[in-house]
Amino acid sequence: MINNTAIASFEGPRRGYVFPMEYVDEGMISQGQRRTLTNLIYTYIQGESEQEARIRELDDLSYSEAENCILDFSFARWK
């Protein structure tokens, strides 16, 4: 019976490779992110004109920017 095991970690036998950001195709905001942000905007932003302005800004967000916005709402770090 063989009981040898390999532990995968950054220092272990299998090393991960982190791609530079210029090579990662980030993509635009997903439909799920758009739906979540729209609900958060209607819940936490006062004033119809401010809500509509924030919703119009969603079209220009990347995937990671949308994630950061969702986190901002989650931690109440509004801009």
PDB file of N, CA and C in Angstrom:
ATOM      1  N   MET A   1       0.840  -1.170   0.000  1.00  0.00           N
ATOM      2  CA  MET A   1       0.000   0.000   0.000  1.00  0.00           C
ATOM      3  C   MET A   1       0.892   1.243   0.000  1.00  0.00           C
ATOM      4  N   ILE A   2       0.573   2.201  -0.870  1.00  0.00           N
ATOM      5  CA  ILE A   2       1.346   3.433  -0.992  1.00  0.00           C
ATOM      6  C   ILE A   2       0.543   4.561  -0.352  1.00  0.00           C
ATOM      7  N   ASN A   3       1.157   5.285   0.563  1.00  0.00           N
ATOM      8  CA  ASN A   3       0.482   6.376   1.256  1.00  0.00           C
ATOM      9  C   ASN A   3       1.105   7.728   0.940  1.00  0.00           C
ATOM     10  N   ASN A   4       1.784   7.851  -0.167  1.00  0.00           N
ATOM     11  CA  ASN A   4       2.393   9.128  -0.534  1.00  0.00           C
ATOM     12  C   ASN A   4       1.306  10.054  -1.089  1.00  0.00           C
ATOM     13  N   THR A   5       1.294  11.287  -0.633  1.00  0.00           N
ATOM     14  CA  THR A   5       0.349  12.275  -1.143  1.00  0.00           C
ATOM     15  C   THR A   5       1.112  13.538  -1.507  1.00  0.00           C
ATOM     16  N   ALA A   6       0.617  14.218  -2.481  1.00  0.00           N
ATOM     17  CA  ALA A   6       1.208  15.498  -2.883  1.00  0.00           C
ATOM     18  C   ALA A   6       0.251  16.605  -2.478  1.00  0.00           C
ATOM     19  N   ILE A   7       0.770  17.608  -1.844  1.00  0.00           N
ATOM     20  CA  ILE A   7      -0.043  18.743  -1.418  1.00  0.00           C
ATOM     21  C   ILE A   7       0.110  19.833  -2.471  1.00  0.00           C
ATOM     22  N   ALA A   8      -1.001  20.245  -3.051  1.00  0.00           N
ATOM     23  CA  ALA A   8      -0.972  21.289  -4.072  1.00  0.00           C
ATOM     24  C   ALA A   8      -1.048  22.653  -3.396  1.00  0.00           C
ATOM     25  N   SER A   9      -0.046  23.456  -3.594  1.00  0.00           N
ATOM     26  CA  SER A   9      -0.021  24.829  -3.102  1.00  0.00           C
ATOM     27  C   SER A   9       0.930  25.610  -3.997  1.00  0.00           C
ATOM     28  N   PHE A  10       1.053  26.890  -3.746  1.00  0.00           N
ATOM     29  CA  PHE A  10       1.954  27.688  -4.563  1.00  0.00           C
ATOM     30  C   PHE A  10       3.407  27.281  -4.357  1.00  0.00           C
ATOM     31  N   GLU A  11       3.723  26.753  -3.180  1.00  0.00           N
ATOM     32  CA  GLU A  11       5.080  26.306  -2.910  1.00  0.00           C
ATOM     33  C   GLU A  11       5.263  24.831  -3.227  1.00  0.00           C
ATOM     34  N   GLY A  12       4.174  24.096  -3.409  1.00  0.00           N
ATOM     35  CA  GLY A  12       4.211  22.651  -3.595  1.00  0.00           C
ATOM     36  C   GLY A  12       4.539  22.256  -5.024  1.00  0.00           C
ATOM     37  N   PRO A  13       4.296  20.984  -5.352  1.00  0.00           N
ATOM     38  CA  PRO A  13       4.686  20.449  -6.653  1.00  0.00           C
ATOM     39  C   PRO A  13       3.947  21.069  -7.837  1.00  0.00           C
ATOM     40  N   ARG A  14       2.720  21.499  -7.643  1.00  0.00           N
ATOM     41  CA  ARG A  14       1.976  22.139  -8.733  1.00  0.00           C
ATOM     42  C   ARG A  14       1.936  23.630  -8.490  1.00  0.00           C
ATOM     43  N   ARG A  15       2.459  24.375  -9.395  1.00  0.00           N
ATOM     44  CA  ARG A  15       2.496  25.829  -9.229  1.00  0.00           C
ATOM     45  C   ARG A  15       1.476  26.474 -10.145  1.00  0.00           C
ATOM     46  N   GLY A  16       0.780  27.461  -9.619  1.00  0.00           N
ATOM     47  CA  GLY A  16      -0.200  28.190 -10.412  1.00  0.00           C
ATOM     48  C   GLY A  16       0.477  29.301 -11.192  1.00  0.00           C
ATOM     49  N   TYR A  17      -0.101  29.645 -12.318  1.00  0.00           N
ATOM     50  CA  TYR A  17       0.417  30.743 -13.117  1.00  0.00           C
ATOM     51  C   TYR A  17      -0.630  31.832 -13.169  1.00  0.00           C
ATOM     52  N   VAL A  18      -0.241  33.041 -12.860  1.00  0.00           N
ATOM     53  CA  VAL A  18      -1.159  34.170 -12.878  1.00  0.00           C
ATOM     54  C   VAL A  18      -0.925  34.936 -14.166  1.00  0.00           C
ATOM     55  N   PHE A  19      -1.975  35.059 -14.977  1.00  0.00           N
ATOM     56  CA  PHE A  19      -1.862  35.772 -16.243  1.00  0.00           C
ATOM     57  C   PHE A  19      -1.825  37.273 -16.010  1.00  0.00           C
ATOM     58  N   PRO A  20      -0.986  37.980 -16.736  1.00  0.00           N
ATOM     59  CA  PRO A  20      -1.015  39.440 -16.666  1.00  0.00           C
ATOM     60  C   PRO A  20      -2.366  39.963 -17.153  1.00  0.00           C
ATOM     61  N   MET A  21      -2.830  41.058 -16.574  1.00  0.00           N
ATOM     62  CA  MET A  21      -4.169  41.563 -16.871  1.00  0.00           C
ATOM     63  C   MET A  21      -4.373  41.921 -18.338  1.00  0.00           C
ATOM     64  N   GLU A  22      -3.323  42.302 -19.049  1.00  0.00           N
ATOM     65  CA  GLU A  22      -3.519  42.667 -20.445  1.00  0.00           C
ATOM     66  C   GLU A  22      -3.868  41.466 -21.322  1.00  0.00           C
ATOM     67  N   TYR A  23      -3.639  40.259 -20.826  1.00  0.00           N
ATOM     68  CA  TYR A  23      -3.967  39.062 -21.587  1.00  0.00           C
ATOM     69  C   TYR A  23      -5.309  38.439 -21.199  1.00  0.00           C
ATOM     70  N   VAL A  24      -5.934  38.966 -20.170  1.00  0.00           N
ATOM     71  CA  VAL A  24      -7.206  38.422 -19.708  1.00  0.00           C
ATOM     72  C   VAL A  24      -8.338  39.213 -20.351  1.00  0.00           C
ATOM     73  N   ASP A  25      -9.228  38.500 -21.076  1.00  0.00           N
ATOM     74  CA  ASP A  25     -10.394  39.156 -21.662  1.00  0.00           C
ATOM     75  C   ASP A  25     -11.480  39.210 -20.596  1.00  0.00           C
ATOM     76  N   GLU A  26     -11.641  40.368 -20.011  1.00  0.00           N
ATOM     77  CA  GLU A  26     -12.517  40.514 -18.863  1.00  0.00           C
ATOM     78  C   GLU A  26     -13.988  40.463 -19.249  1.00  0.00           C
ATOM     79  N   GLY A  27     -14.365  41.050 -20.327  1.00  0.00           N
ATOM     80  CA  GLY A  27     -15.763  41.047 -20.734  1.00  0.00           C
ATOM     81  C   GLY A  27     -16.564  42.123 -20.036  1.00  0.00           C
ATOM     82  N   MET A  28     -17.771  42.236 -20.484  1.00  0.00           N
ATOM     83  CA  MET A  28     -18.670  43.253 -19.950  1.00  0.00           C
ATOM     84  C   MET A  28     -19.509  42.672 -18.811  1.00  0.00           C
ATOM     85  N   ILE A  29     -20.280  43.518 -18.200  1.00  0.00           N
ATOM     86  CA  ILE A  29     -21.139  43.147 -17.085  1.00  0.00           C
ATOM     87  C   ILE A  29     -22.083  42.017 -17.502  1.00  0.00           C
ATOM     88  N   SER A  30     -22.278  41.040 -16.612  1.00  0.00           N
ATOM     89  CA  SER A  30     -23.176  39.923 -16.920  1.00  0.00           C
ATOM     90  C   SER A  30     -24.624  40.324 -16.610  1.00  0.00           C
ATOM     91  N   GLN A  31     -25.559  39.536 -17.122  1.00  0.00           N
ATOM     92  CA  GLN A  31     -26.976  39.822 -16.876  1.00  0.00           C
ATOM     93  C   GLN A  31     -27.313  39.665 -15.390  1.00  0.00           C
ATOM     94  N   GLY A  32     -26.700  38.694 -14.741  1.00  0.00           N
ATOM     95  CA  GLY A  32     -26.932  38.516 -13.306  1.00  0.00           C
ATOM     96  C   GLY A  32     -26.435  39.702 -12.498  1.00  0.00           C
ATOM     97  N   GLN A  33     -25.258  40.207 -12.872  1.00  0.00           N
ATOM     98  CA  GLN A  33     -24.716  41.394 -12.192  1.00  0.00           C
ATOM     99  C   GLN A  33     -25.610  42.600 -12.442  1.00  0.00           C
ATOM    100  N   ARG A  34     -26.078  42.749 -13.675  1.00  0.00           N
ATOM    101  CA  ARG A  34     -26.956  43.878 -14.015  1.00  0.00           C
ATOM    102  C   ARG A  34     -28.246  43.813 -13.188  1.00  0.00           C
ATOM    103  N   ARG A  35     -28.822  42.627 -13.080  1.00  0.00           N
ATOM    104  CA  ARG A  35     -30.053  42.445 -12.314  1.00  0.00           C
ATOM    105  C   ARG A  35     -29.813  42.763 -10.834  1.00  0.00           C
ATOM    106  N   THR A  36     -28.702  42.262 -10.289  1.00  0.00           N
ATOM    107  CA  THR A  36     -28.377  42.514  -8.881  1.00  0.00           C
ATOM    108  C   THR A  36     -28.161  43.997  -8.626  1.00  0.00           C
ATOM    109  N   LEU A  37     -27.383  44.649  -9.486  1.00  0.00           N
ATOM    110  CA  LEU A  37     -27.115  46.078  -9.299  1.00  0.00           C
ATOM    111  C   LEU A  37     -28.373  46.918  -9.467  1.00  0.00           C
ATOM    112  N   THR A  38     -29.235  46.545 -10.404  1.00  0.00           N
ATOM    113  CA  THR A  38     -30.484  47.285 -10.590  1.00  0.00           C
ATOM    114  C   THR A  38     -31.337  47.198  -9.331  1.00  0.00           C
ATOM    115  N   ASN A  39     -31.444  46.007  -8.760  1.00  0.00           N
ATOM    116  CA  ASN A  39     -32.208  45.854  -7.514  1.00  0.00           C
ATOM    117  C   ASN A  39     -31.593  46.656  -6.380  1.00  0.00           C
ATOM    118  N   LEU A  40     -30.264  46.635  -6.277  1.00  0.00           N
ATOM    119  CA  LEU A  40     -29.586  47.397  -5.222  1.00  0.00           C
ATOM    120  C   LEU A  40     -29.776  48.901  -5.404  1.00  0.00           C
ATOM    121  N   ILE A  41     -29.728  49.352  -6.640  1.00  0.00           N
ATOM    122  CA  ILE A  41     -29.916  50.787  -6.915  1.00  0.00           C
ATOM    123  C   ILE A  41     -31.319  51.218  -6.511  1.00  0.00           C
ATOM    124  N   TYR A  42     -32.335  50.444  -6.911  1.00  0.00           N
ATOM    125  CA  TYR A  42     -33.714  50.808  -6.556  1.00  0.00           C
ATOM    126  C   TYR A  42     -33.949  50.717  -5.051  1.00  0.00           C
ATOM    127  N   THR A  43     -33.199  49.859  -4.361  1.00  0.00           N
ATOM    128  CA  THR A  43     -33.379  49.705  -2.922  1.00  0.00           C
ATOM    129  C   THR A  43     -32.683  50.819  -2.140  1.00  0.00           C
ATOM    130  N   TYR A  44     -31.460  51.180  -2.531  1.00  0.00           N
ATOM    131  CA  TYR A  44     -30.642  52.054  -1.693  1.00  0.00           C
ATOM    132  C   TYR A  44     -30.452  53.483  -2.203  1.00  0.00           C
ATOM    133  N   ILE A  45     -30.748  53.762  -3.446  1.00  0.00           N
ATOM    134  CA  ILE A  45     -30.546  55.111  -3.982  1.00  0.00           C
ATOM    135  C   ILE A  45     -31.882  55.842  -3.977  1.00  0.00           C
ATOM    136  N   GLN A  46     -31.887  57.024  -3.391  1.00  0.00           N
ATOM    137  CA  GLN A  46     -33.095  57.835  -3.316  1.00  0.00           C
ATOM    138  C   GLN A  46     -33.177  58.757  -4.528  1.00  0.00           C
ATOM    139  N   GLY A  47     -34.356  58.991  -5.011  1.00  0.00           N
ATOM    140  CA  GLY A  47     -34.563  59.915  -6.121  1.00  0.00           C
ATOM    141  C   GLY A  47     -34.574  59.196  -7.454  1.00  0.00           C
ATOM    142  N   GLU A  48     -35.647  59.379  -8.179  1.00  0.00           N
ATOM    143  CA  GLU A  48     -35.807  58.675  -9.454  1.00  0.00           C
ATOM    144  C   GLU A  48     -34.756  59.073 -10.475  1.00  0.00           C
ATOM    145  N   SER A  49     -34.390  60.341 -10.538  1.00  0.00           N
ATOM    146  CA  SER A  49     -33.396  60.781 -11.522  1.00  0.00           C
ATOM    147  C   SER A  49     -32.013  60.189 -11.209  1.00  0.00           C
ATOM    148  N   GLU A  50     -31.666  60.108  -9.932  1.00  0.00           N
ATOM    149  CA  GLU A  50     -30.388  59.510  -9.533  1.00  0.00           C
ATOM    150  C   GLU A  50     -30.379  58.010  -9.834  1.00  0.00           C
ATOM    151  N   GLN A  51     -31.497  57.350  -9.604  1.00  0.00           N
ATOM    152  CA  GLN A  51     -31.599  55.921  -9.912  1.00  0.00           C
ATOM    153  C   GLN A  51     -31.409  55.673 -11.406  1.00  0.00           C
ATOM    154  N   GLU A  52     -32.088  56.435 -12.219  1.00  0.00           N
ATOM    155  CA  GLU A  52     -31.989  56.261 -13.669  1.00  0.00           C
ATOM    156  C   GLU A  52     -30.586  56.561 -14.177  1.00  0.00           C
ATOM    157  N   ALA A  53     -29.918  57.562 -13.598  1.00  0.00           N
ATOM    158  CA  ALA A  53     -28.550  57.884 -14.001  1.00  0.00           C
ATOM    159  C   ALA A  53     -27.609  56.731 -13.662  1.00  0.00           C
ATOM    160  N   ARG A  54     -27.766  56.146 -12.482  1.00  0.00           N
ATOM    161  CA  ARG A  54     -26.926  55.013 -12.087  1.00  0.00           C
ATOM    162  C   ARG A  54     -27.171  53.796 -12.980  1.00  0.00           C
ATOM    163  N   ILE A  55     -28.427  53.558 -13.336  1.00  0.00           N
ATOM    164  CA  ILE A  55     -28.749  52.413 -14.192  1.00  0.00           C
ATOM    165  C   ILE A  55     -28.159  52.605 -15.589  1.00  0.00           C
ATOM    166  N   ARG A  56     -28.178  53.824 -16.112  1.00  0.00           N
ATOM    167  CA  ARG A  56     -27.569  54.091 -17.425  1.00  0.00           C
ATOM    168  C   ARG A  56     -26.068  53.839 -17.406  1.00  0.00           C
ATOM    169  N   GLU A  57     -25.411  54.049 -16.265  1.00  0.00           N
ATOM    170  CA  GLU A  57     -23.965  53.830 -16.147  1.00  0.00           C
ATOM    171  C   GLU A  57     -23.595  52.350 -16.186  1.00  0.00           C
ATOM    172  N   LEU A  58     -24.549  51.467 -15.949  1.00  0.00           N
ATOM    173  CA  LEU A  58     -24.254  50.039 -15.914  1.00  0.00           C
ATOM    174  C   LEU A  58     -23.768  49.509 -17.254  1.00  0.00           C
ATOM    175  N   ASP A  59     -24.182  50.119 -18.366  1.00  0.00           N
ATOM    176  CA  ASP A  59     -23.787  49.652 -19.695  1.00  0.00           C
ATOM    177  C   ASP A  59     -22.285  49.731 -19.927  1.00  0.00           C
ATOM    178  N   ASP A  60     -21.611  50.647 -19.250  1.00  0.00           N
ATOM    179  CA  ASP A  60     -20.182  50.864 -19.468  1.00  0.00           C
ATOM    180  C   ASP A  60     -19.288  50.082 -18.512  1.00  0.00           C
ATOM    181  N   LEU A  61     -19.874  49.314 -17.600  1.00  0.00           N
ATOM    182  CA  LEU A  61     -19.072  48.609 -16.603  1.00  0.00           C
ATOM    183  C   LEU A  61     -18.511  47.304 -17.148  1.00  0.00           C
ATOM    184  N   SER A  62     -17.295  46.981 -16.727  1.00  0.00           N
ATOM    185  CA  SER A  62     -16.723  45.668 -17.023  1.00  0.00           C
ATOM    186  C   SER A  62     -17.183  44.699 -15.933  1.00  0.00           C
ATOM    187  N   TYR A  63     -16.852  43.441 -16.109  1.00  0.00           N
ATOM    188  CA  TYR A  63     -17.249  42.408 -15.143  1.00  0.00           C
ATOM    189  C   TYR A  63     -16.687  42.709 -13.754  1.00  0.00           C
ATOM    190  N   SER A  64     -15.395  43.040 -13.679  1.00  0.00           N
ATOM    191  CA  SER A  64     -14.780  43.290 -12.367  1.00  0.00           C
ATOM    192  C   SER A  64     -15.270  44.598 -11.752  1.00  0.00           C
ATOM    193  N   GLU A  65     -15.537  45.604 -12.567  1.00  0.00           N
ATOM    194  CA  GLU A  65     -16.087  46.852 -12.040  1.00  0.00           C
ATOM    195  C   GLU A  65     -17.471  46.622 -11.453  1.00  0.00           C
ATOM    196  N   ALA A  66     -18.265  45.787 -12.102  1.00  0.00           N
ATOM    197  CA  ALA A  66     -19.594  45.453 -11.589  1.00  0.00           C
ATOM    198  C   ALA A  66     -19.475  44.705 -10.260  1.00  0.00           C
ATOM    199  N   GLU A  67     -18.520  43.781 -10.169  1.00  0.00           N
ATOM    200  CA  GLU A  67     -18.294  43.069  -8.912  1.00  0.00           C
ATOM    201  C   GLU A  67     -17.932  44.048  -7.797  1.00  0.00           C
ATOM    202  N   ASN A  68     -17.084  45.021  -8.115  1.00  0.00           N
ATOM    203  CA  ASN A  68     -16.703  46.018  -7.112  1.00  0.00           C
ATOM    204  C   ASN A  68     -17.892  46.864  -6.684  1.00  0.00           C
ATOM    205  N   CYS A  69     -18.771  47.208  -7.614  1.00  0.00           N
ATOM    206  CA  CYS A  69     -19.969  47.978  -7.272  1.00  0.00           C
ATOM    207  C   CYS A  69     -20.889  47.186  -6.361  1.00  0.00           C
ATOM    208  N   ILE A  70     -21.048  45.900  -6.642  1.00  0.00           N
ATOM    209  CA  ILE A  70     -21.877  45.053  -5.790  1.00  0.00           C
ATOM    210  C   ILE A  70     -21.282  44.989  -4.388  1.00  0.00           C
ATOM    211  N   LEU A  71     -19.958  44.866  -4.296  1.00  0.00           N
ATOM    212  CA  LEU A  71     -19.303  44.864  -2.985  1.00  0.00           C
ATOM    213  C   LEU A  71     -19.470  46.195  -2.270  1.00  0.00           C
ATOM    214  N   ASP A  72     -19.401  47.298  -3.012  1.00  0.00           N
ATOM    215  CA  ASP A  72     -19.592  48.613  -2.408  1.00  0.00           C
ATOM    216  C   ASP A  72     -20.979  48.717  -1.778  1.00  0.00           C
ATOM    217  N   PHE A  73     -21.996  48.243  -2.494  1.00  0.00           N
ATOM    218  CA  PHE A  73     -23.332  48.256  -1.929  1.00  0.00           C
ATOM    219  C   PHE A  73     -23.418  47.329  -0.719  1.00  0.00           C
ATOM    220  N   SER A  74     -22.783  46.179  -0.793  1.00  0.00           N
ATOM    221  CA  SER A  74     -22.831  45.210   0.298  1.00  0.00           C
ATOM    222  C   SER A  74     -22.202  45.752   1.578  1.00  0.00           C
ATOM    223  N   PHE A  75     -21.129  46.523   1.428  1.00  0.00           N
ATOM    224  CA  PHE A  75     -20.434  47.080   2.580  1.00  0.00           C
ATOM    225  C   PHE A  75     -20.792  48.543   2.835  1.00  0.00           C
ATOM    226  N   ALA A  76     -21.808  49.054   2.115  1.00  0.00           N
ATOM    227  CA  ALA A  76     -22.289  50.428   2.270  1.00  0.00           C
ATOM    228  C   ALA A  76     -21.200  51.460   2.023  1.00  0.00           C
ATOM    229  N   ARG A  77     -20.355  51.215   0.999  1.00  0.00           N
ATOM    230  CA  ARG A  77     -19.307  52.165   0.618  1.00  0.00           C
ATOM    231  C   ARG A  77     -19.773  52.893  -0.646  1.00  0.00           C
ATOM    232  N   TRP A  78     -20.853  53.639  -0.542  1.00  0.00           N
ATOM    233  CA  TRP A  78     -21.433  54.277  -1.718  1.00  0.00           C
ATOM    234  C   TRP A  78     -20.649  55.498  -2.105  1.00  0.00           C
ATOM    235  N   LYS A  79     -20.656  55.765  -3.422  1.00  0.00           N
ATOM    236  CA  LYS A  79     -19.951  56.942  -3.947  1.00  0.00           C
ATOM    237  C   LYS A  79     -20.938  58.040  -4.200  1.00  0.00           C
TER     238      LYS A  79
END
